[in-house]
């Protein structure tokens, strides 16, 4: 079955976006909520950051988290393979 594209309207940093993709509406809204919370946190830490600087810092944090998760997944896969061989 082919994944259907969904259009979900969300507000991020006081601007409306229409996100098109195969993720559920709930997923897209959760992503938008998470981004808005991170923007609020960055603003409270340093109100002098531009929107571009906020976006870059959020991207750095997101990629860092993704790398850590991928490394942990590889470790777990190796551990699972080791346990299967026993």
N, C-alpha and C. Protein backbone atom coordinates (compact mmCIF):
# COMPACT_ATOMS: atom_id res chain seq x y z
N UNK A 1 0.84 -1.18 0.00
CA UNK A 1 0.00 0.00 0.00
C UNK A 1 0.88 1.25 0.00
N UNK A 2 0.56 2.18 -0.85
CA UNK A 2 1.33 3.41 -0.97
C UNK A 2 0.93 4.36 0.16
N UNK A 3 1.92 4.98 0.80
CA UNK A 3 1.63 5.95 1.86
C UNK A 3 0.99 7.19 1.25
N UNK A 4 -0.10 7.63 1.86
CA UNK A 4 -0.76 8.84 1.39
C UNK A 4 -0.10 10.06 2.01
N UNK A 5 0.02 11.09 1.22
CA UNK A 5 0.57 12.35 1.72
C UNK A 5 -0.53 13.08 2.48
N UNK A 6 -0.14 13.60 3.63
CA UNK A 6 -1.08 14.37 4.45
C UNK A 6 -0.61 15.81 4.49
N UNK A 7 -1.55 16.72 4.60
CA UNK A 7 -1.26 18.15 4.75
C UNK A 7 -1.70 18.53 6.15
N UNK A 8 -0.77 19.03 6.94
CA UNK A 8 -1.07 19.42 8.31
C UNK A 8 -0.62 20.86 8.53
N UNK A 9 -1.54 21.70 8.99
CA UNK A 9 -1.20 23.09 9.29
C UNK A 9 -0.78 23.18 10.75
N UNK A 10 0.37 23.82 10.96
CA UNK A 10 0.88 24.02 12.31
C UNK A 10 1.42 25.44 12.43
N UNK A 11 1.54 25.89 13.67
CA UNK A 11 2.14 27.19 13.91
C UNK A 11 3.47 26.97 14.64
N UNK A 12 4.52 27.50 14.05
CA UNK A 12 5.85 27.40 14.63
C UNK A 12 6.42 28.81 14.73
N UNK A 13 6.77 29.19 15.94
CA UNK A 13 7.36 30.50 16.19
C UNK A 13 6.50 31.63 15.60
N UNK A 14 5.19 31.53 15.87
CA UNK A 14 4.21 32.54 15.46
C UNK A 14 4.03 32.65 13.94
N UNK A 15 4.36 31.59 13.24
CA UNK A 15 4.17 31.59 11.79
C UNK A 15 3.50 30.28 11.39
N UNK A 16 2.54 30.36 10.49
CA UNK A 16 1.83 29.16 10.07
C UNK A 16 2.55 28.46 8.93
N UNK A 17 2.64 27.13 9.05
CA UNK A 17 3.26 26.29 8.02
C UNK A 17 2.31 25.16 7.67
N UNK A 18 2.34 24.74 6.42
CA UNK A 18 1.64 23.54 6.01
C UNK A 18 2.70 22.48 5.72
N UNK A 19 2.67 21.43 6.52
CA UNK A 19 3.65 20.35 6.40
C UNK A 19 3.00 19.23 5.59
N UNK A 20 3.68 18.81 4.53
CA UNK A 20 3.17 17.75 3.68
C UNK A 20 4.09 16.54 3.83
N UNK A 21 3.48 15.40 4.15
CA UNK A 21 4.28 14.18 4.30
C UNK A 21 3.41 13.00 4.67
N UNK A 22 4.05 11.87 4.95
CA UNK A 22 3.30 10.67 5.25
C UNK A 22 3.12 10.42 6.75
N UNK A 23 3.63 11.33 7.57
CA UNK A 23 3.47 11.20 9.03
C UNK A 23 2.06 11.61 9.43
N UNK A 24 1.60 11.06 10.55
CA UNK A 24 0.26 11.37 11.03
C UNK A 24 0.17 12.84 11.45
N UNK A 25 -1.04 13.34 11.47
CA UNK A 25 -1.27 14.71 11.92
C UNK A 25 -0.78 14.87 13.35
N UNK A 26 -1.05 13.88 14.20
CA UNK A 26 -0.61 13.94 15.60
C UNK A 26 0.90 14.04 15.69
N UNK A 27 1.61 13.30 14.85
CA UNK A 27 3.07 13.33 14.86
C UNK A 27 3.58 14.72 14.47
N UNK A 28 3.04 15.28 13.41
CA UNK A 28 3.47 16.59 12.93
C UNK A 28 3.19 17.66 13.98
N UNK A 29 2.02 17.58 14.62
CA UNK A 29 1.69 18.56 15.66
C UNK A 29 2.61 18.42 16.86
N UNK A 30 2.99 17.19 17.21
CA UNK A 30 3.93 16.98 18.31
C UNK A 30 5.30 17.57 17.97
N UNK A 31 5.72 17.41 16.72
CA UNK A 31 6.99 18.00 16.28
C UNK A 31 6.93 19.52 16.42
N UNK A 32 5.84 20.12 15.96
CA UNK A 32 5.69 21.58 16.05
C UNK A 32 5.69 22.04 17.50
N UNK A 33 4.99 21.32 18.37
CA UNK A 33 4.96 21.67 19.79
C UNK A 33 6.35 21.59 20.40
N UNK A 34 7.09 20.56 20.04
CA UNK A 34 8.45 20.38 20.56
C UNK A 34 9.35 21.52 20.10
N UNK A 35 9.24 21.90 18.84
CA UNK A 35 10.04 23.01 18.31
C UNK A 35 9.70 24.30 19.05
N UNK A 36 8.42 24.55 19.25
CA UNK A 36 8.01 25.77 19.96
C UNK A 36 8.53 25.79 21.39
N UNK A 37 8.51 24.66 22.06
CA UNK A 37 9.06 24.59 23.43
C UNK A 37 10.57 24.88 23.42
N UNK A 38 11.28 24.32 22.45
CA UNK A 38 12.72 24.56 22.36
C UNK A 38 13.00 26.03 22.07
N UNK A 39 12.20 26.65 21.23
CA UNK A 39 12.37 28.08 20.94
C UNK A 39 12.15 28.90 22.21
N UNK A 40 11.12 28.55 22.98
CA UNK A 40 10.86 29.24 24.25
C UNK A 40 12.06 29.10 25.20
N UNK A 41 12.61 27.89 25.28
CA UNK A 41 13.77 27.65 26.15
C UNK A 41 14.96 28.48 25.70
N UNK A 42 15.24 28.50 24.41
CA UNK A 42 16.36 29.28 23.89
C UNK A 42 16.15 30.77 24.15
N UNK A 43 14.93 31.23 23.97
CA UNK A 43 14.62 32.65 24.20
C UNK A 43 14.82 33.01 25.66
N UNK A 44 14.42 32.10 26.57
CA UNK A 44 14.58 32.39 27.99
C UNK A 44 16.06 32.37 28.40
N UNK A 45 16.86 31.57 27.71
CA UNK A 45 18.30 31.52 28.02
C UNK A 45 19.04 32.73 27.46
N UNK A 46 18.63 33.15 26.27
CA UNK A 46 19.30 34.29 25.63
C UNK A 46 18.32 34.96 24.67
N UNK A 47 17.72 36.03 25.12
CA UNK A 47 16.74 36.73 24.29
C UNK A 47 17.37 37.48 23.12
N UNK A 48 18.69 37.56 23.11
CA UNK A 48 19.36 38.29 22.03
C UNK A 48 19.61 37.43 20.79
N UNK A 49 19.29 36.13 20.86
CA UNK A 49 19.50 35.27 19.69
C UNK A 49 18.52 35.63 18.59
N UNK A 50 19.03 35.68 17.37
CA UNK A 50 18.15 35.88 16.23
C UNK A 50 17.40 34.58 15.93
N UNK A 51 16.36 34.68 15.12
CA UNK A 51 15.63 33.47 14.74
C UNK A 51 16.55 32.50 13.99
N UNK A 52 17.45 33.04 13.19
CA UNK A 52 18.40 32.19 12.47
C UNK A 52 19.32 31.47 13.45
N UNK A 53 19.82 32.17 14.45
CA UNK A 53 20.69 31.54 15.44
C UNK A 53 19.94 30.48 16.23
N UNK A 54 18.68 30.77 16.57
CA UNK A 54 17.87 29.77 17.26
C UNK A 54 17.72 28.52 16.40
N UNK A 55 17.44 28.72 15.12
CA UNK A 55 17.25 27.59 14.21
C UNK A 55 18.52 26.76 14.09
N UNK A 56 19.67 27.43 14.01
CA UNK A 56 20.94 26.71 13.90
C UNK A 56 21.22 25.91 15.16
N UNK A 57 21.01 26.52 16.33
CA UNK A 57 21.23 25.81 17.60
C UNK A 57 20.29 24.61 17.73
N UNK A 58 19.04 24.78 17.30
CA UNK A 58 18.10 23.67 17.36
C UNK A 58 18.51 22.55 16.40
N UNK A 59 19.00 22.91 15.23
CA UNK A 59 19.46 21.90 14.28
C UNK A 59 20.67 21.15 14.84
N UNK A 60 21.60 21.87 15.45
CA UNK A 60 22.77 21.23 16.06
C UNK A 60 22.32 20.24 17.14
N UNK A 61 21.39 20.67 17.99
CA UNK A 61 20.90 19.79 19.05
C UNK A 61 20.19 18.56 18.47
N UNK A 62 19.38 18.77 17.44
CA UNK A 62 18.63 17.67 16.84
C UNK A 62 19.57 16.65 16.20
N UNK A 63 20.57 17.12 15.46
CA UNK A 63 21.51 16.21 14.81
C UNK A 63 22.35 15.48 15.86
N UNK A 64 22.76 16.18 16.89
CA UNK A 64 23.51 15.56 17.98
C UNK A 64 22.70 14.44 18.63
N UNK A 65 21.43 14.73 18.93
CA UNK A 65 20.55 13.70 19.52
C UNK A 65 20.39 12.52 18.58
N UNK A 66 20.25 12.79 17.29
CA UNK A 66 20.08 11.72 16.31
C UNK A 66 21.31 10.83 16.25
N UNK A 67 22.48 11.43 16.28
CA UNK A 67 23.73 10.66 16.25
C UNK A 67 23.83 9.78 17.49
N UNK A 68 23.53 10.34 18.66
CA UNK A 68 23.57 9.55 19.90
C UNK A 68 22.61 8.38 19.85
N UNK A 69 21.39 8.61 19.35
CA UNK A 69 20.40 7.54 19.25
C UNK A 69 20.88 6.47 18.28
N UNK A 70 21.43 6.87 17.14
CA UNK A 70 21.93 5.89 16.17
C UNK A 70 23.06 5.06 16.74
N UNK A 71 23.98 5.69 17.47
CA UNK A 71 25.08 4.95 18.09
C UNK A 71 24.55 3.96 19.13
N UNK A 72 23.58 4.38 19.92
CA UNK A 72 22.99 3.50 20.92
C UNK A 72 22.28 2.34 20.25
N UNK A 73 21.60 2.60 19.15
CA UNK A 73 20.92 1.54 18.41
C UNK A 73 21.92 0.52 17.88
N UNK A 74 23.05 1.00 17.35
CA UNK A 74 24.08 0.08 16.87
C UNK A 74 24.64 -0.78 18.01
N UNK A 75 24.86 -0.15 19.17
CA UNK A 75 25.33 -0.90 20.34
C UNK A 75 24.34 -1.99 20.73
N UNK A 76 23.06 -1.65 20.74
CA UNK A 76 22.03 -2.61 21.11
C UNK A 76 21.92 -3.74 20.08
N UNK A 77 22.05 -3.40 18.80
CA UNK A 77 22.02 -4.43 17.76
C UNK A 77 23.19 -5.39 17.91
N UNK A 78 24.37 -4.85 18.22
CA UNK A 78 25.55 -5.70 18.43
C UNK A 78 25.36 -6.59 19.65
N UNK A 79 24.79 -6.03 20.71
CA UNK A 79 24.53 -6.81 21.92
C UNK A 79 23.51 -7.91 21.66
N UNK A 80 22.47 -7.60 20.89
CA UNK A 80 21.47 -8.59 20.53
C UNK A 80 22.10 -9.71 19.71
N UNK A 81 22.92 -9.35 18.74
CA UNK A 81 23.59 -10.37 17.92
C UNK A 81 24.50 -11.25 18.78
N UNK A 82 25.23 -10.62 19.72
CA UNK A 82 26.09 -11.39 20.62
C UNK A 82 25.28 -12.36 21.47
N UNK A 83 24.13 -11.93 21.96
CA UNK A 83 23.28 -12.79 22.78
C UNK A 83 22.67 -13.92 21.96
N UNK A 84 22.36 -13.66 20.71
CA UNK A 84 21.81 -14.71 19.85
C UNK A 84 22.82 -15.81 19.59
N UNK A 85 24.11 -15.44 19.54
CA UNK A 85 25.15 -16.42 19.26
C UNK A 85 25.47 -17.31 20.46
N UNK A 86 25.05 -16.90 21.64
CA UNK A 86 25.33 -17.70 22.84
C UNK A 86 24.44 -18.90 22.94
